[in-house]
C-alpha cells in the first residue's frame, strides 16, 4: 500500500514502479525515525 497498490480483486500484481515507490517511502520513514531517535 505504500507505493499505491490497493490489492483489489481486479488489480494486477504490483509492478516495479509501485514497489519502488513503496521502498522510497519506507526509506524516508526510516530516516525520519532515525533522526528522531538521535534527538532524544
PDB file of N, CA and C in Angstrom:
ATOM      1  N   UNK A   1       0.812  -1.199   0.000  1.00  0.00           N
ATOM      2  CA  UNK A   1       0.000   0.000   0.000  1.00  0.00           C
ATOM      3  C   UNK A   1       0.860   1.268   0.000  1.00  0.00           C
ATOM      4  N   UNK A   2       2.090   1.157   0.446  1.00  0.00           N
ATOM      5  CA  UNK A   2       2.939   2.347   0.476  1.00  0.00           C
ATOM      6  C   UNK A   2       3.176   2.918  -0.916  1.00  0.00           C
ATOM      7  N   UNK A   3       3.262   2.045  -1.915  1.00  0.00           N
ATOM      8  CA  UNK A   3       3.532   2.505  -3.268  1.00  0.00           C
ATOM      9  C   UNK A   3       2.283   2.849  -4.056  1.00  0.00           C
ATOM     10  N   UNK A   4       1.115   2.602  -3.494  1.00  0.00           N
ATOM     11  CA  UNK A   4      -0.128   2.923  -4.176  1.00  0.00           C
ATOM     12  C   UNK A   4      -0.923   1.710  -4.625  1.00  0.00           C
ATOM     13  N   UNK A   5      -0.455   0.500  -4.328  1.00  0.00           N
ATOM     14  CA  UNK A   5      -1.164  -0.717  -4.710  1.00  0.00           C
ATOM     15  C   UNK A   5      -2.272  -0.979  -3.704  1.00  0.00           C
ATOM     16  N   UNK A   6      -3.503  -1.157  -4.209  1.00  0.00           N
ATOM     17  CA  UNK A   6      -4.665  -1.288  -3.331  1.00  0.00           C
ATOM     18  C   UNK A   6      -5.142  -2.725  -3.134  1.00  0.00           C
ATOM     19  N   UNK A   7      -4.618  -3.684  -3.915  1.00  0.00           N
ATOM     20  CA  UNK A   7      -4.925  -5.106  -3.771  1.00  0.00           C
ATOM     21  C   UNK A   7      -6.417  -5.412  -3.915  1.00  0.00           C
ATOM     22  N   UNK A   8      -7.037  -4.831  -4.938  1.00  0.00           N
ATOM     23  CA  UNK A   8      -8.438  -5.141  -5.234  1.00  0.00           C
ATOM     24  C   UNK A   8      -8.497  -6.371  -6.120  1.00  0.00           C
ATOM     25  N   UNK A   9      -9.658  -6.998  -6.220  1.00  0.00           N
ATOM     26  CA  UNK A   9      -9.805  -8.243  -6.976  1.00  0.00           C
ATOM     27  C   UNK A   9      -9.376  -8.097  -8.431  1.00  0.00           C
ATOM     28  N   UNK A  10      -9.713  -7.000  -9.074  1.00  0.00           N
ATOM     29  CA  UNK A  10      -9.422  -6.836 -10.494  1.00  0.00           C
ATOM     30  C   UNK A  10      -8.052  -6.208 -10.774  1.00  0.00           C
ATOM     31  N   UNK A  11      -7.270  -5.886  -9.747  1.00  0.00           N
ATOM     32  CA  UNK A  11      -5.947  -5.298  -9.942  1.00  0.00           C
ATOM     33  C   UNK A  11      -4.914  -6.369 -10.297  1.00  0.00           C
ATOM     34  N   UNK A  12      -4.005  -6.013 -11.185  1.00  0.00           N
ATOM     35  CA  UNK A  12      -2.874  -6.884 -11.483  1.00  0.00           C
ATOM     36  C   UNK A  12      -1.877  -6.811 -10.330  1.00  0.00           C
ATOM     37  N   UNK A  13      -0.954  -7.770 -10.243  1.00  0.00           N
ATOM     38  CA  UNK A  13       0.068  -7.682  -9.191  1.00  0.00           C
ATOM     39  C   UNK A  13       0.875  -6.389  -9.335  1.00  0.00           C
ATOM     40  N   UNK A  14       1.438  -5.890  -8.246  1.00  0.00           N
ATOM     41  CA  UNK A  14       2.189  -4.636  -8.325  1.00  0.00           C
ATOM     42  C   UNK A  14       3.430  -4.792  -9.209  1.00  0.00           C
ATOM     43  N   UNK A  15       3.710  -3.772  -9.971  1.00  0.00           N
ATOM     44  CA  UNK A  15       4.880  -3.783 -10.842  1.00  0.00           C
ATOM     45  C   UNK A  15       6.076  -3.141 -10.168  1.00  0.00           C
ATOM     46  N   UNK A  16       7.161  -3.054 -10.883  1.00  0.00           N
ATOM     47  CA  UNK A  16       8.382  -2.488 -10.293  1.00  0.00           C
ATOM     48  C   UNK A  16       8.240  -1.023  -9.877  1.00  0.00           C
ATOM     49  N   UNK A  17       7.445  -0.247 -10.615  1.00  0.00           N
ATOM     50  CA  UNK A  17       7.278   1.167 -10.263  1.00  0.00           C
ATOM     51  C   UNK A  17       6.575   1.311  -8.928  1.00  0.00           C
ATOM     52  N   UNK A  18       5.532   0.540  -8.717  1.00  0.00           N
ATOM     53  CA  UNK A  18       4.781   0.610  -7.452  1.00  0.00           C
ATOM     54  C   UNK A  18       5.655   0.136  -6.294  1.00  0.00           C
ATOM     55  N   UNK A  19       6.403  -0.936  -6.511  1.00  0.00           N
ATOM     56  CA  UNK A  19       7.282  -1.448  -5.461  1.00  0.00           C
ATOM     57  C   UNK A  19       8.379  -0.436  -5.147  1.00  0.00           C
ATOM     58  N   UNK A  20       8.930   0.212  -6.182  1.00  0.00           N
ATOM     59  CA  UNK A  20       9.976   1.223  -5.980  1.00  0.00           C
ATOM     60  C   UNK A  20       9.444   2.401  -5.173  1.00  0.00           C
ATOM     61  N   UNK A  21       8.226   2.865  -5.508  1.00  0.00           N
ATOM     62  CA  UNK A  21       7.629   3.974  -4.746  1.00  0.00           C
ATOM     63  C   UNK A  21       7.477   3.594  -3.275  1.00  0.00           C
ATOM     64  N   UNK A  22       7.063   2.363  -3.019  1.00  0.00           N
ATOM     65  CA  UNK A  22       6.917   1.904  -1.639  1.00  0.00           C
ATOM     66  C   UNK A  22       8.241   1.880  -0.902  1.00  0.00           C
ATOM     67  N   UNK A  23       9.294   1.382  -1.577  1.00  0.00           N
ATOM     68  CA  UNK A  23      10.615   1.363  -0.941  1.00  0.00           C
ATOM     69  C   UNK A  23      11.124   2.772  -0.658  1.00  0.00           C
ATOM     70  N   UNK A  24      10.881   3.705  -1.579  1.00  0.00           N
ATOM     71  CA  UNK A  24      11.316   5.086  -1.343  1.00  0.00           C
ATOM     72  C   UNK A  24      10.616   5.694  -0.133  1.00  0.00           C
ATOM     73  N   UNK A  25       9.319   5.466  -0.033  1.00  0.00           N
ATOM     74  CA  UNK A  25       8.580   5.998   1.105  1.00  0.00           C
ATOM     75  C   UNK A  25       9.035   5.341   2.409  1.00  0.00           C
ATOM     76  N   UNK A  26       9.259   4.029   2.374  1.00  0.00           N
ATOM     77  CA  UNK A  26       9.748   3.325   3.564  1.00  0.00           C
ATOM     78  C   UNK A  26      11.121   3.846   3.976  1.00  0.00           C
ATOM     79  N   UNK A  27      11.967   4.135   2.988  1.00  0.00           N
ATOM     80  CA  UNK A  27      13.297   4.678   3.284  1.00  0.00           C
ATOM     81  C   UNK A  27      13.195   6.039   3.974  1.00  0.00           C
ATOM     82  N   UNK A  28      12.308   6.897   3.472  1.00  0.00           N
ATOM     83  CA  UNK A  28      12.122   8.215   4.092  1.00  0.00           C
ATOM     84  C   UNK A  28      11.604   8.087   5.523  1.00  0.00           C
ATOM     85  N   UNK A  29      10.655   7.203   5.735  1.00  0.00           N
ATOM     86  CA  UNK A  29      10.108   6.990   7.079  1.00  0.00           C
ATOM     87  C   UNK A  29      11.206   6.507   8.020  1.00  0.00           C
ATOM     88  N   UNK A  30      12.047   5.597   7.539  1.00  0.00           N
ATOM     89  CA  UNK A  30      13.138   5.065   8.361  1.00  0.00           C
ATOM     90  C   UNK A  30      14.137   6.159   8.721  1.00  0.00           C
ATOM     91  N   UNK A  31      14.486   7.004   7.748  1.00  0.00           N
ATOM     92  CA  UNK A  31      15.436   8.089   8.023  1.00  0.00           C
ATOM     93  C   UNK A  31      14.875   9.070   9.051  1.00  0.00           C
ATOM     94  N   UNK A  32      13.602   9.421   8.915  1.00  0.00           N
ATOM     95  CA  UNK A  32      12.969  10.344   9.869  1.00  0.00           C
ATOM     96  C   UNK A  32      12.955   9.726  11.260  1.00  0.00           C
ATOM     97  N   UNK A  33      12.650   8.435  11.346  1.00  0.00           N
ATOM     98  CA  UNK A  33      12.648   7.741  12.637  1.00  0.00           C
ATOM     99  C   UNK A  33      14.037   7.780  13.268  1.00  0.00           C
ATOM    100  N   UNK A  34      15.066   7.536  12.458  1.00  0.00           N
ATOM    101  CA  UNK A  34      16.433   7.567  12.977  1.00  0.00           C
ATOM    102  C   UNK A  34      16.804   8.961  13.478  1.00  0.00           C
ATOM    103  N   UNK A  35      16.380   9.999  12.763  1.00  0.00           N
ATOM    104  CA  UNK A  35      16.662  11.362  13.207  1.00  0.00           C
ATOM    105  C   UNK A  35      16.001  11.662  14.546  1.00  0.00           C
ATOM    106  N   UNK A  36      14.749  11.248  14.695  1.00  0.00           N
ATOM    107  CA  UNK A  36      14.054  11.486  15.957  1.00  0.00           C
ATOM    108  C   UNK A  36      14.680  10.706  17.100  1.00  0.00           C
ATOM    109  N   UNK A  37      15.198   9.512  16.817  1.00  0.00           N
ATOM    110  CA  UNK A  37      15.853   8.734  17.868  1.00  0.00           C
ATOM    111  C   UNK A  37      17.144   9.400  18.322  1.00  0.00           C
ATOM    112  N   UNK A  38      17.831  10.104  17.434  1.00  0.00           N
ATOM    113  CA  UNK A  38      19.081  10.781  17.796  1.00  0.00           C
ATOM    114  C   UNK A  38      18.806  11.984  18.681  1.00  0.00           C
ATOM    115  N   UNK A  39      17.687  12.637  18.495  1.00  0.00           N
ATOM    116  CA  UNK A  39      17.361  13.843  19.250  1.00  0.00           C
ATOM    117  C   UNK A  39      17.097  13.532  20.717  1.00  0.00           C
ATOM    118  N   UNK A  40      16.551  12.367  20.996  1.00  0.00           N
ATOM    119  CA  UNK A  40      16.205  12.022  22.382  1.00  0.00           C
ATOM    120  C   UNK A  40      17.389  11.855  23.263  1.00  0.00           C
TER     121      UNK A  40
END
